[in-house]
Amino acid sequence: MKKAIQLLLITILCFSCNDQKKSNGKINVVTTTSMITDLVKNVAGNNVNIEGLMGSGVDPHLYKASGGDVTKLANADIIFYNGLHLEGKLVEVFEKMHNNKTKTIAIANAIDKNTLISSASFASNYDPHIWFNIEYWIQATHFITKQLIAAAPEHTSVFKKNADTYVQKLKTLQIKLKTKIATLPKEKRILVTAHDAFNYFGKSFNFEVVGLQGLSTATEAGVKDVQKLASFIIEKNVKAVFIESSVPKRTIEALQAAVTSKNHEVNIGGTLYSDALGNPNTVEGTYIGMFEYNVNTIVNALE
């Protein structure tokens, strides 16, 4: 694995010797997850060149850079990534690239680590799924805005105006989601999903959250994990469990079968977007649309 990382880094550095940046007068920004891509687009508008590495349905925990990605990374002026080891081994590449002329920025640095959910079983010792806390996403918006202003100060007024508009939309979203969730009785607020991506959501909206796999999808769920969670579902009389768009559905289907084998029924309540947004040019292809879709799906299935 170390040799693969070193080879990727060397390739990127060799590509970057042939500087193709600012071909249209704009800085080149590369983003990792689709959530970050959406955030940067909302702040930057058309004033920077934005290239996202990960599209709809892509699992960042297991992501490996392609040949095309190497070119994007090599030509980047700024790389925005989540951090907290969400992107797995790719984080090591970003950290090494930071010493080169490319600026690599982890948006998790915008968040006070004392407020993060800790996890001794994950590489960073923190849950990296920070986008499911809207307050964190507002902080990330301000953080990214400052970084963009530093890189392209000629667009300062536009970046600030766009950021203010987007933050207001996020605050409106937060109120809307709380209103929807308030219709669901507290005893029914139990969210069972494929992996532990929704802990920040649970903390923000008072849900008990249980994932079949751990914080990373690289962690496989065993038979004992399935049986234990099946017993929990029966004990708590959970009405529905949820598939995730970036995780194979077989894990949740196995869980449903385990519940059925114990003479109990649990529905699959739908597919939630966890580590990636929906398809481009759809409502779920935006952070705000994704979050609203998820909450509507959860509440409607658990009612």
Foldseek 3Di string as FASTA:
>chain_A
DVVVLVVLLVLLQVLLVPAPACVVPAAQEEEEFLQVQQLCCLLCPPRHHYHYQDAFLAQLLPDDGDPVNSNSSSHHQEYEYADLCSNPPVVVSLVVCCVPNHNYYHLCVLDDPVPFDADPPGPSRGQSLVLLALVSVLSSSVVVLVVVCVVPVVCNVSSVVSSVVVNVVSVVLLVVLLVLLVVADLLLQEAEEQEPQCPNNCVSNVHHYDHLAYSHPVGDHDPVSLLVVLVVCVVSVHAEYEYESNHDCVSVVSSQVSNVVVVHGHYHLYYAYGRHFHHPPDLSSHSSSRSVVRSVSSRVRRD
